[in-house]
């Protein structure tokens, strides 16, 4: 304890108090930037090179939406792809906290344009909103969260058995009793969508593996053909 004069006292921080603070303070994930695609942007309203485009888009968002973008670029960077076209699509990198303000439409240079969050996924990507495969949450079209345990319209955390005497009432247990049967949103069978033996999950993984093997075989064949010397028949001189 450190005493300052007669009236002021303060507790010096130590490793114990700092540890306790870290334990009980809520965790907050640092905000991230996301890519938003804007369609139908008139080519007469924007510069034709990426450097000037970024500066012009930055000014437009600063004036209209009052926040700073992290970057901007053409969806098709090759100028030849935009030749003889009246409009194009651009990608703007914005803070994720602003997504709801600029999608599914955004005021850009005085006109409303269609916009959407860009996302990446493979065939085996499982959405944690609807629990189907091929897209992440950002690309999900489901109107509400689907429970991975029973396929009803609530989140996984909200799932519980309605029978108070059942163990599934206190914690999540797929197929805890007949009152709350499990139903996988991906395949419809009696298990959770997180079950590694889900037939749909196995089917998607196998299809992705076959596609990959075919692509690798075609690439190997192409490389072999490129490395094989071609001999020309020489006739009698």
Protein backbone atom coordinates (compact mmCIF):
# COMPACT_ATOMS: atom_id res chain seq x y z
CA UNK A 1 0.00 0.00 0.00
CA UNK A 2 1.37 3.40 -0.96
CA UNK A 3 0.27 6.39 1.13
CA UNK A 4 0.23 9.85 -0.42
CA UNK A 5 -0.17 12.43 2.36
CA UNK A 6 -2.88 11.69 4.90
CA UNK A 7 -5.94 11.39 2.64
CA UNK A 8 -4.92 9.62 -0.57
CA UNK A 9 -4.20 5.93 -0.86
CA UNK A 10 -3.83 3.75 -3.91
CA UNK A 11 -3.15 0.10 -4.50
CA UNK A 12 -0.17 -0.47 -6.73
CA UNK A 13 -0.93 -2.93 -9.59
CA UNK A 14 0.85 -6.26 -9.43
CA UNK A 15 0.82 -9.47 -11.43
CA UNK A 16 -2.07 -10.84 -9.34
CA UNK A 17 -4.41 -7.89 -9.82
CA UNK A 18 -3.57 -7.63 -13.53
CA UNK A 19 -4.25 -11.35 -13.92
CA UNK A 20 -7.62 -11.02 -12.22
CA UNK A 21 -8.56 -8.09 -14.44
CA UNK A 22 -7.69 -10.06 -17.57
CA UNK A 23 -9.71 -13.02 -16.29
CA UNK A 24 -12.95 -11.11 -15.75
CA UNK A 25 -12.83 -8.41 -18.40
CA UNK A 26 -14.89 -9.41 -21.49
CA UNK A 27 -12.90 -10.39 -24.57
CA UNK A 28 -13.34 -8.10 -27.55
CA UNK A 29 -12.05 -9.13 -30.97
CA UNK A 30 -10.18 -6.44 -32.84
CA UNK A 31 -12.24 -5.05 -35.76
CA UNK A 32 -11.22 -6.21 -39.22
CA UNK A 33 -11.51 -4.86 -42.75
CA UNK A 34 -13.67 -6.67 -45.31
CA UNK A 35 -13.99 -6.46 -49.09
CA UNK A 36 -17.26 -5.13 -50.47
CA UNK A 37 -18.00 -5.32 -54.19
CA UNK A 38 -19.94 -2.47 -55.83
CA UNK A 39 -21.59 -3.22 -59.17
CA UNK A 40 -22.61 -0.97 -62.04
CA UNK A 41 -20.10 1.83 -61.49
CA UNK A 42 -20.00 4.09 -64.54
CA UNK A 43 -16.56 4.13 -66.15
CA UNK A 44 -17.02 7.79 -67.04
CA UNK A 45 -17.28 8.66 -63.33
CA UNK A 46 -14.05 7.04 -62.14
CA UNK A 47 -10.36 7.03 -63.22
CA UNK A 48 -9.16 4.18 -65.38
CA UNK A 49 -6.13 3.27 -63.25
CA UNK A 50 -6.06 1.68 -59.79
CA UNK A 51 -3.95 4.33 -58.05
CA UNK A 52 -6.22 7.23 -59.00
CA UNK A 53 -9.31 5.05 -58.48
CA UNK A 54 -8.38 4.41 -54.86
CA UNK A 55 -7.93 8.11 -54.14
CA UNK A 56 -11.22 9.01 -55.83
CA UNK A 57 -13.16 6.30 -53.96
CA UNK A 58 -11.51 7.32 -50.69
CA UNK A 59 -12.73 10.90 -51.15
CA UNK A 60 -16.24 9.74 -52.09
CA UNK A 61 -16.63 7.56 -48.98
CA UNK A 62 -15.14 10.22 -46.75
CA UNK A 63 -17.73 12.77 -47.91
CA UNK A 64 -20.79 10.52 -48.23
CA UNK A 65 -20.29 7.93 -45.48
CA UNK A 66 -17.92 9.70 -43.07
CA UNK A 67 -15.39 6.87 -42.70
CA UNK A 68 -12.02 5.93 -44.17
CA UNK A 69 -11.62 2.99 -46.53
CA UNK A 70 -8.51 0.79 -46.48
CA UNK A 71 -8.28 0.46 -50.25
CA UNK A 72 -10.08 0.19 -53.59
CA UNK A 73 -9.42 -1.66 -56.84
CA UNK A 74 -11.12 -2.89 -59.99
CA UNK A 75 -12.70 -6.36 -59.96
CA UNK A 76 -11.04 -6.86 -63.35
CA UNK A 77 -7.64 -5.12 -63.13
CA UNK A 78 -6.84 -5.59 -66.83
CA UNK A 79 -7.87 -2.45 -68.74
CA UNK A 80 -8.63 -4.53 -71.83
CA UNK A 81 -11.41 -6.31 -69.90
CA UNK A 82 -13.10 -2.94 -69.39
CA UNK A 83 -12.66 -1.75 -72.95
CA UNK A 84 -15.87 -0.72 -74.76
CA UNK A 85 -17.92 -1.17 -71.57
CA UNK A 86 -20.04 1.51 -69.92
CA UNK A 87 -19.87 0.22 -66.34
CA UNK A 88 -17.72 -2.02 -64.16
CA UNK A 89 -17.45 -3.47 -60.65
CA UNK A 90 -15.01 -2.27 -58.02
CA UNK A 91 -13.85 -3.76 -54.71
CA UNK A 92 -13.66 -1.48 -51.69
CA UNK A 93 -12.00 -2.54 -48.43
CA UNK A 94 -13.95 -1.12 -45.48
CA UNK A 95 -14.15 -1.58 -41.69
CA UNK A 96 -16.43 -4.52 -40.85
CA UNK A 97 -18.38 -2.26 -38.49
CA UNK A 98 -19.69 -0.38 -41.56
CA UNK A 99 -21.02 -3.42 -43.48
CA UNK A 100 -24.68 -2.80 -42.63
CA UNK A 101 -24.37 0.82 -43.80
CA UNK A 102 -23.12 -0.02 -47.31
CA UNK A 103 -24.88 -3.30 -48.17
CA UNK A 104 -27.00 -4.50 -49.98
CA UNK A 105 -26.89 -1.08 -51.67
CA UNK A 106 -24.57 1.88 -51.29
CA UNK A 107 -24.72 5.54 -52.23
CA UNK A 108 -21.69 6.05 -54.44
CA UNK A 109 -20.99 9.24 -56.36
CA UNK A 110 -24.58 10.40 -56.12
CA UNK A 111 -26.26 7.13 -57.15
CA UNK A 112 -27.31 3.98 -55.32
CA UNK A 113 -25.43 0.89 -56.48
CA UNK A 114 -25.87 -2.80 -55.66
CA UNK A 115 -23.22 -4.03 -53.23
CA UNK A 116 -22.31 -7.20 -51.35
CA UNK A 117 -19.65 -8.57 -49.02
CA UNK A 118 -17.12 -10.68 -50.90
CA UNK A 119 -16.35 -14.06 -49.42
CA UNK A 120 -14.19 -17.05 -50.25
CA UNK A 121 -15.08 -20.69 -49.73
CA UNK A 122 -14.38 -24.18 -50.98
CA UNK A 123 -16.83 -27.02 -51.51
CA UNK A 124 -16.02 -28.31 -48.01
CA UNK A 125 -16.60 -24.98 -46.23
CA UNK A 126 -19.46 -25.46 -43.75
CA UNK A 127 -21.64 -22.46 -42.92
CA UNK A 128 -22.15 -21.96 -39.19
CA UNK A 129 -25.52 -20.32 -39.74
CA UNK A 130 -27.42 -22.85 -41.86
CA UNK A 131 -24.78 -25.64 -41.54
CA UNK A 132 -24.82 -26.50 -45.22
CA UNK A 133 -21.68 -26.73 -47.33
CA UNK A 134 -20.10 -24.51 -49.97
CA UNK A 135 -20.29 -21.08 -48.34
CA UNK A 136 -19.41 -19.23 -45.09
CA UNK A 137 -21.77 -17.18 -42.90
CA UNK A 138 -21.04 -14.09 -45.01
CA UNK A 139 -22.54 -15.80 -48.06
CA UNK A 140 -25.48 -17.46 -46.31
CA UNK A 141 -28.99 -16.72 -47.60
CA UNK A 142 -30.82 -18.24 -44.62
CA UNK A 143 -33.16 -15.78 -42.93
CA UNK A 144 -32.33 -16.99 -39.40
CA UNK A 145 -29.83 -19.16 -37.52
CA UNK A 146 -30.40 -22.90 -37.74
CA UNK A 147 -29.53 -25.17 -34.83
CA UNK A 148 -26.91 -27.77 -35.83
CA UNK A 149 -28.40 -30.26 -33.36
CA UNK A 150 -32.14 -30.26 -34.15
CA UNK A 151 -32.45 -28.09 -37.33
CA UNK A 152 -34.89 -25.69 -35.65
CA UNK A 153 -34.69 -21.89 -35.91
CA UNK A 154 -32.39 -21.06 -33.01
CA UNK A 155 -28.66 -20.94 -32.34
CA UNK A 156 -26.60 -23.82 -31.02
CA UNK A 157 -26.24 -22.09 -27.63
CA UNK A 158 -30.03 -21.83 -27.32
CA UNK A 159 -30.57 -25.56 -27.88
CA UNK A 160 -31.81 -27.57 -24.91
CA UNK A 161 -34.23 -30.39 -24.18
CA UNK A 162 -37.64 -29.22 -22.97
CA UNK A 163 -37.85 -32.11 -20.52
CA UNK A 164 -36.39 -30.66 -17.31
CA UNK A 165 -35.43 -34.07 -15.90
CA UNK A 166 -33.29 -34.85 -18.98
CA UNK A 167 -29.53 -34.25 -18.97
CA UNK A 168 -30.02 -32.48 -22.30
CA UNK A 169 -31.90 -29.71 -20.49
CA UNK A 170 -28.68 -28.57 -18.80
CA UNK A 171 -26.19 -29.13 -21.59
CA UNK A 172 -26.20 -29.87 -25.30
CA UNK A 173 -26.53 -33.60 -25.96
CA UNK A 174 -27.65 -34.69 -29.45
CA UNK A 175 -30.41 -37.32 -29.23
CA UNK A 176 -30.61 -36.90 -25.46
CA UNK A 177 -34.13 -38.36 -25.41
CA UNK A 178 -37.24 -38.90 -27.56
CA UNK A 179 -38.51 -35.43 -26.64
CA UNK A 180 -35.68 -33.71 -28.54
CA UNK A 181 -34.49 -35.86 -31.45
CA UNK A 182 -31.40 -34.78 -33.34
CA UNK A 183 -31.71 -33.76 -36.98
CA UNK A 184 -28.73 -32.69 -39.08
CA UNK A 185 -29.46 -29.59 -41.21
CA UNK A 186 -26.98 -30.81 -43.83
CA UNK A 187 -28.32 -34.33 -44.48
CA UNK A 188 -31.50 -34.67 -42.39
CA UNK A 189 -30.32 -37.70 -40.45
CA UNK A 190 -30.40 -38.20 -36.66
CA UNK A 191 -27.12 -36.59 -35.61
CA UNK A 192 -25.55 -33.15 -35.16
CA UNK A 193 -24.21 -31.19 -38.13
CA UNK A 194 -20.85 -31.24 -36.31
CA UNK A 195 -20.70 -35.05 -36.46
CA UNK A 196 -17.57 -36.04 -38.45
CA UNK A 197 -19.40 -39.12 -39.78
CA UNK A 198 -22.22 -37.06 -41.37
CA UNK A 199 -22.89 -38.63 -44.82
CA UNK A 200 -23.17 -35.24 -46.49
CA UNK A 201 -19.86 -34.08 -45.00
CA UNK A 202 -18.16 -37.29 -46.16
CA UNK A 203 -19.74 -36.98 -49.63
CA UNK A 204 -18.59 -33.36 -50.02
CA UNK A 205 -15.06 -34.22 -48.89
CA UNK A 206 -14.84 -37.19 -51.26
CA UNK A 207 -16.12 -35.12 -54.21
CA UNK A 208 -13.57 -32.38 -53.43
CA UNK A 209 -10.78 -34.97 -53.25
CA UNK A 210 -11.77 -36.52 -56.60
CA UNK A 211 -11.86 -33.07 -58.20
CA UNK A 212 -8.42 -32.26 -56.78
CA UNK A 213 -6.96 -35.59 -57.95
CA UNK A 214 -8.30 -35.02 -61.48
CA UNK A 215 -6.83 -31.52 -61.55
CA UNK A 216 -3.43 -32.79 -60.35
CA UNK A 217 -3.46 -35.63 -62.91
CA UNK A 218 -4.25 -33.19 -65.73
CA UNK A 219 -1.46 -30.88 -64.54
CA UNK A 220 1.05 -33.74 -64.37
CA UNK A 221 0.07 -34.85 -67.88
CA UNK A 222 0.48 -31.31 -69.18
CA UNK A 223 3.92 -30.94 -67.57
CA UNK A 224 5.04 -34.31 -68.93
CA UNK A 225 3.96 -33.35 -72.45
CA UNK A 226 5.84 -30.04 -72.19
CA UNK A 227 9.05 -31.78 -71.06
CA UNK A 228 8.95 -34.59 -73.63
CA UNK A 229 11.24 -33.75 -76.60
CA UNK A 230 9.64 -33.91 -80.03
CA UNK A 231 11.65 -35.79 -82.67
CA UNK A 232 11.17 -35.01 -86.33
CA UNK A 233 11.63 -37.77 -88.84
CA UNK A 234 14.54 -37.04 -91.15
CA UNK A 235 14.24 -38.46 -94.66
CA UNK A 236 17.10 -39.66 -96.84
CA UNK A 237 19.42 -36.90 -97.98
